[in-house]
Amino acid sequence: MCRHLGYLGPPAGLHGLLYQAPYSLSRQAYAPRLQRNGRVNADGFGVGWYVDGRSEPVRYRRSQPLWTDVSFENVAQVLQTGCVVAAVRCATAGFPVEESGAQPFTVGPWLFSHNGRVDGFASIETRLRELAGDAVTAPDARAAVDSALLFAIAVGQWRAGASLADGLAYVVDRVTGLGAPAPGRLNLLASNGRELAATAFGDTLFVREADHAVVVASEPYDDEPGWRPVPQGSLVTASNAGIRITPLRRPSS
């Protein structure tokens, strides 16, 4: 369920990143090629991007399908950014289809997206809230969806000084450490405007380096060479220096 994408590199048009490729995120909203759970991602979308001179990202989201928002598609033709996180949503059964559940979530300089679900959420919700601590008060952390608490846990780590990647690794480590039921699918993607970080845990993830840019995506948006599948159980860190893929492990912090 859900598809997401992160881009970091020279300023690029949002329309080109989200709409123009043969298998763009817009197309993945109604015809994903590699999605294992759910058939369409029509329960909302969100786009967060960074603008020079602004410390926090701009975020736009709706509860409608990406391909139906013709106004945003038109505006995207004149927007450029060097860093973006975008997602299309297939809502998990039991959670409402509303704008507050569309990702990426944001607070301060961070953007966060979760592709997947937390299995047995009701039985571990209290423990997730304990792990989230004070970060659970962030507005997006109060959304009525399992991803919101994962976001809050990551934010708590980032506020405490953890790196972008270690914050995501901490989330996976703690959720998987809660025991039965199984943790579910925890493909996470985040940015602080300077780098991207992601986990491959339960769903597909691909990376590509081309034209001095790095892309992290649930699935390739074209058939051009350079796409690499990320092994399951991996942590991805992407910056201007390139892409690093390492096994997920307990963060040193």
Protein backbone atom coordinates (compact mmCIF):
# COMPACT_ATOMS: atom_id res chain seq x y z
CA MET A 1 0.00 0.00 0.00
CA CYS A 2 1.13 3.51 -0.81
CA ARG A 3 4.04 4.65 -2.97
CA HIS A 4 6.56 7.33 -2.13
CA LEU A 5 9.48 9.15 -3.70
CA GLY A 6 12.37 11.32 -2.56
CA TYR A 7 14.61 13.49 -4.76
CA LEU A 8 17.79 15.37 -3.86
CA GLY A 9 19.93 17.21 -6.37
CA PRO A 10 20.03 20.22 -8.67
CA PRO A 11 16.76 22.20 -8.77
CA ALA A 12 14.18 20.25 -10.75
CA GLY A 13 10.58 20.95 -11.69
CA LEU A 14 7.92 19.30 -9.54
CA HIS A 15 5.87 18.54 -12.63
CA GLY A 16 8.71 16.58 -14.17
CA LEU A 17 9.35 14.65 -10.95
CA LEU A 18 5.72 13.75 -10.25
CA TYR A 19 3.90 13.64 -13.59
CA GLN A 20 6.03 13.38 -16.71
CA ALA A 21 7.85 10.04 -16.41
CA PRO A 22 6.19 6.98 -18.02
CA TYR A 23 5.51 5.44 -14.60
CA SER A 24 5.41 8.64 -12.57
CA LEU A 25 4.06 8.89 -9.05
CA SER A 26 0.85 10.22 -10.55
CA ARG A 27 0.52 7.03 -12.61
CA GLN A 28 1.49 4.90 -9.61
CA ALA A 29 -1.56 6.32 -7.87
CA TYR A 30 -3.82 4.34 -10.23
CA ALA A 31 -1.52 1.79 -11.90
CA PRO A 32 1.46 0.81 -9.74
CA ARG A 33 3.65 -1.86 -11.30
CA LEU A 34 5.27 -3.44 -8.24
CA GLN A 35 2.81 -2.86 -5.44
CA ARG A 36 2.24 -5.99 -3.38
CA ASN A 37 -0.63 -4.80 -1.19
CA GLY A 38 -3.59 -2.87 -2.57
CA ARG A 39 -4.34 -2.09 -6.21
CA VAL A 40 -4.62 1.69 -6.31
CA ASN A 41 -3.40 4.62 -4.22
CA ALA A 42 -6.41 6.87 -4.49
CA ASP A 43 -6.92 7.81 -0.83
CA GLY A 44 -4.92 11.01 -0.87
CA PHE A 45 -1.48 12.37 -1.64
CA GLY A 46 1.08 14.81 -0.34
CA VAL A 47 4.12 16.68 -1.60
CA GLY A 48 6.71 18.38 0.58
CA TRP A 49 9.54 20.42 -0.87
CA TYR A 50 12.26 22.81 0.24
CA VAL A 51 12.69 26.41 -0.90
CA ASP A 52 15.85 28.51 -0.63
CA GLY A 53 15.69 30.97 2.25
CA ARG A 54 13.06 29.00 4.16
CA SER A 55 14.09 26.76 7.07
CA GLU A 56 10.99 24.57 6.94
CA PRO A 57 9.58 22.72 3.92
CA VAL A 58 6.41 23.66 2.08
CA ARG A 59 3.80 20.91 2.20
CA TYR A 60 0.69 20.41 0.05
CA ARG A 61 -1.70 17.51 0.52
CA ARG A 62 -5.23 16.39 -0.22
CA SER A 63 -7.50 13.42 0.50
CA GLN A 64 -8.28 13.00 -3.20
CA PRO A 65 -6.25 11.06 -5.80
CA LEU A 66 -3.19 12.83 -7.17
CA TRP A 67 -4.36 12.50 -10.78
CA THR A 68 -7.62 14.35 -10.02
CA ASP A 69 -6.03 17.51 -8.61
CA VAL A 70 -5.57 19.39 -11.87
CA SER A 71 -4.91 22.66 -10.02
CA PHE A 72 -1.83 21.26 -8.29
CA GLU A 73 -0.61 19.71 -11.52
CA ASN A 74 -0.85 23.12 -13.13
CA VAL A 75 0.97 24.86 -10.27
CA ALA A 76 3.66 22.14 -10.24
CA GLN A 77 4.69 23.27 -13.74
CA VAL A 78 6.22 26.43 -12.29
CA LEU A 79 7.68 25.03 -9.04
CA GLN A 80 11.29 23.91 -8.72
CA THR A 81 13.18 22.40 -5.80
CA GLY A 82 16.40 20.64 -4.97
CA CYS A 83 14.71 18.32 -2.49
CA VAL A 84 11.24 16.79 -2.36
CA VAL A 85 9.37 13.97 -0.63
CA ALA A 86 6.04 12.92 -2.15
CA ALA A 87 3.58 10.11 -1.49
CA VAL A 88 0.30 8.66 -2.73
CA ARG A 89 -1.91 6.80 -0.25
CA CYS A 90 -3.80 3.54 -0.13
CA ALA A 91 -5.49 3.78 3.27
CA THR A 92 -5.21 0.87 5.67
CA ALA A 93 -8.59 -0.62 6.59
CA GLY A 94 -9.88 0.92 9.80
CA PHE A 95 -8.28 4.33 9.27
CA PRO A 96 -10.22 7.27 7.77
CA VAL A 97 -9.62 8.73 4.34
CA GLU A 98 -8.96 12.35 5.21
CA GLU A 99 -6.32 14.97 4.53
CA SER A 100 -4.65 14.59 7.93
CA GLY A 101 -3.66 11.02 7.02
CA ALA A 102 -1.96 11.99 3.76
CA GLN A 103 1.81 12.07 3.88
CA PRO A 104 4.48 13.34 4.07
CA PHE A 105 4.09 14.47 7.66
CA THR A 106 6.16 17.44 8.71
CA VAL A 107 7.43 19.37 11.72
CA GLY A 108 10.39 21.74 11.85
CA PRO A 109 12.84 20.92 9.03
CA TRP A 110 11.71 17.31 8.58
CA LEU A 111 9.50 15.45 6.13
CA PHE A 112 8.42 11.85 6.79
CA SER A 113 6.54 9.21 4.81
CA HIS A 114 5.55 5.65 5.73
CA ASN A 115 4.78 3.11 3.02
CA GLY A 116 3.20 0.15 4.81
CA ARG A 117 1.24 -0.61 7.95
CA VAL A 118 1.71 -1.54 11.59
CA ASP A 119 0.10 -4.92 12.14
CA GLY A 120 -1.91 -5.27 15.33
CA PHE A 121 -1.80 -1.52 15.85
CA ALA A 122 -4.55 -1.44 18.46
CA SER A 123 -2.67 -3.86 20.69
CA ILE A 124 0.56 -1.85 20.70
CA GLU A 125 -0.72 1.71 20.30
CA THR A 126 -0.14 2.52 23.97
CA ARG A 127 3.46 1.34 23.79
CA LEU A 128 4.04 3.32 20.61
CA ARG A 129 2.76 6.45 22.35
CA GLU A 130 5.17 5.82 25.20
CA LEU A 131 8.03 5.56 22.73
CA ALA A 132 6.91 8.79 21.05
CA GLY A 133 7.09 10.77 24.29
CA ASP A 134 6.58 14.52 23.98
CA ALA A 135 6.88 14.39 20.19
CA VAL A 136 3.37 12.94 20.08
CA THR A 137 2.13 16.52 20.50
CA ALA A 138 3.38 17.51 17.02
CA PRO A 139 0.25 18.29 14.97
CA ASP A 140 0.84 15.59 12.34
CA ALA A 141 1.57 13.05 15.08
CA ARG A 142 -2.08 13.32 16.13
CA ALA A 143 -3.45 12.09 12.79
CA ALA A 144 -5.78 9.09 13.03
CA VAL A 145 -3.39 6.67 11.32
CA ASP A 146 -0.68 4.27 12.50
CA SER A 147 2.03 6.14 10.56
CA ALA A 148 1.55 9.20 12.78
CA LEU A 149 3.07 7.50 15.81
CA LEU A 150 6.01 6.20 13.79
CA PHE A 151 6.57 9.81 12.73
CA ALA A 152 6.43 10.96 16.34
CA ILE A 153 9.00 8.36 17.43
CA ALA A 154 11.37 9.47 14.68
CA VAL A 155 10.88 13.15 15.56
CA GLY A 156 11.73 12.42 19.18
CA GLN A 157 15.02 10.92 18.08
CA TRP A 158 15.84 13.76 15.68
CA ARG A 159 15.11 16.36 18.34
CA ALA A 160 17.48 14.48 20.66
CA GLY A 161 20.27 14.79 18.09
CA ALA A 162 20.04 11.51 16.15
CA SER A 163 20.92 11.59 12.47
CA LEU A 164 18.14 11.38 9.91
CA ALA A 165 18.97 7.72 9.15
CA ASP A 166 19.43 6.70 12.79
CA GLY A 167 16.01 8.15 13.62
CA LEU A 168 14.38 5.84 11.07
CA ALA A 169 16.48 2.86 12.16
CA TYR A 170 15.37 3.48 15.74
CA VAL A 171 11.72 3.35 14.70
CA VAL A 172 12.13 0.00 12.94
CA ASP A 173 14.18 -1.41 15.82
CA ARG A 174 11.66 -0.43 18.49
CA VAL A 175 8.55 -1.48 16.57
CA THR A 176 10.02 -4.87 15.65
CA GLY A 177 11.14 -5.26 19.26
CA LEU A 178 7.59 -5.09 20.57
CA GLY A 179 7.12 -8.77 19.71
CA ALA A 180 3.87 -10.40 18.60
CA PRO A 181 2.00 -9.50 16.54
CA ALA A 182 4.36 -9.15 13.60
CA PRO A 183 5.45 -5.52 13.00
CA GLY A 184 4.05 -5.23 9.49
CA ARG A 185 5.65 -3.22 6.68
CA LEU A 186 7.92 -0.39 7.72
CA ASN A 187 9.26 1.28 4.58
CA LEU A 188 10.09 4.76 5.86
CA LEU A 189 11.37 7.82 3.98
CA ALA A 190 12.53 11.13 5.44
CA SER A 191 14.39 14.31 4.60
CA ASN A 192 15.78 17.37 6.36
CA GLY A 193 16.40 19.27 3.13
CA ARG A 194 20.07 18.28 2.96
CA GLU A 195 19.79 14.50 2.74
CA LEU A 196 17.34 11.64 2.37
CA ALA A 197 17.06 8.51 4.48
CA ALA A 198 14.90 5.44 3.97
CA THR A 199 14.30 1.88 5.13
CA ALA A 200 13.42 -1.17 3.08
CA PHE A 201 11.40 -3.34 5.44
CA GLY A 202 8.48 -5.23 3.98
CA ASP A 203 8.00 -3.52 0.62
CA THR A 204 9.94 -2.58 -2.50
CA LEU A 205 12.46 0.24 -2.59
CA PHE A 206 14.78 1.44 -5.35
CA VAL A 207 17.54 4.03 -5.65
CA ARG A 208 19.21 5.79 -8.57
CA GLU A 209 22.07 8.22 -9.03
CA ALA A 210 22.03 10.25 -12.23
CA ASP A 211 22.88 13.78 -13.35
CA HIS A 212 24.29 14.73 -9.91
CA ALA A 213 20.98 13.78 -8.28
CA VAL A 214 19.80 10.90 -6.12
CA VAL A 215 16.32 9.37 -6.14
CA VAL A 216 14.77 7.01 -3.60
CA ALA A 217 11.44 5.51 -4.67
CA SER A 218 9.04 2.67 -3.95
CA GLU A 219 9.36 1.69 -7.60
CA PRO A 220 11.17 3.05 -10.68
CA TYR A 221 9.30 5.77 -12.53
CA ASP A 222 10.89 4.87 -15.86
CA ASP A 223 12.85 2.09 -17.57
CA GLU A 224 16.09 4.04 -17.86
CA PRO A 225 19.27 2.37 -16.56
CA GLY A 226 20.66 3.01 -13.11
CA TRP A 227 17.83 1.88 -10.85
CA ARG A 228 18.99 -0.48 -8.10
CA PRO A 229 16.69 -2.51 -5.85
CA VAL A 230 17.42 -2.05 -2.15
CA PRO A 231 17.72 -5.36 -0.26
CA GLN A 232 15.16 -6.03 2.43
CA GLY A 233 16.33 -5.08 5.89
CA SER A 234 18.40 -2.15 4.62
CA LEU A 235 18.93 1.47 5.61
CA VAL A 236 19.52 4.04 2.87
CA THR A 237 21.31 7.36 3.31
CA ALA A 238 21.44 9.67 0.29
CA SER A 239 23.22 13.00 0.04
CA ASN A 240 25.17 15.05 -2.46
CA ALA A 241 28.02 12.62 -1.85
CA GLY A 242 25.93 9.72 -3.17
CA ILE A 243 23.93 6.80 -1.83
CA ARG A 244 24.95 4.49 0.98
CA ILE A 245 23.07 1.25 1.71
CA THR A 246 23.76 -0.63 4.95
CA PRO A 247 21.97 -3.36 6.90
CA LEU A 248 19.43 -2.13 9.42
CA ARG A 249 20.83 -2.49 12.88
CA ARG A 250 20.25 -1.12 16.33
CA PRO A 251 21.36 2.54 16.39
CA SER A 252 24.40 3.27 18.56
CA SER A 253 22.47 5.97 20.40
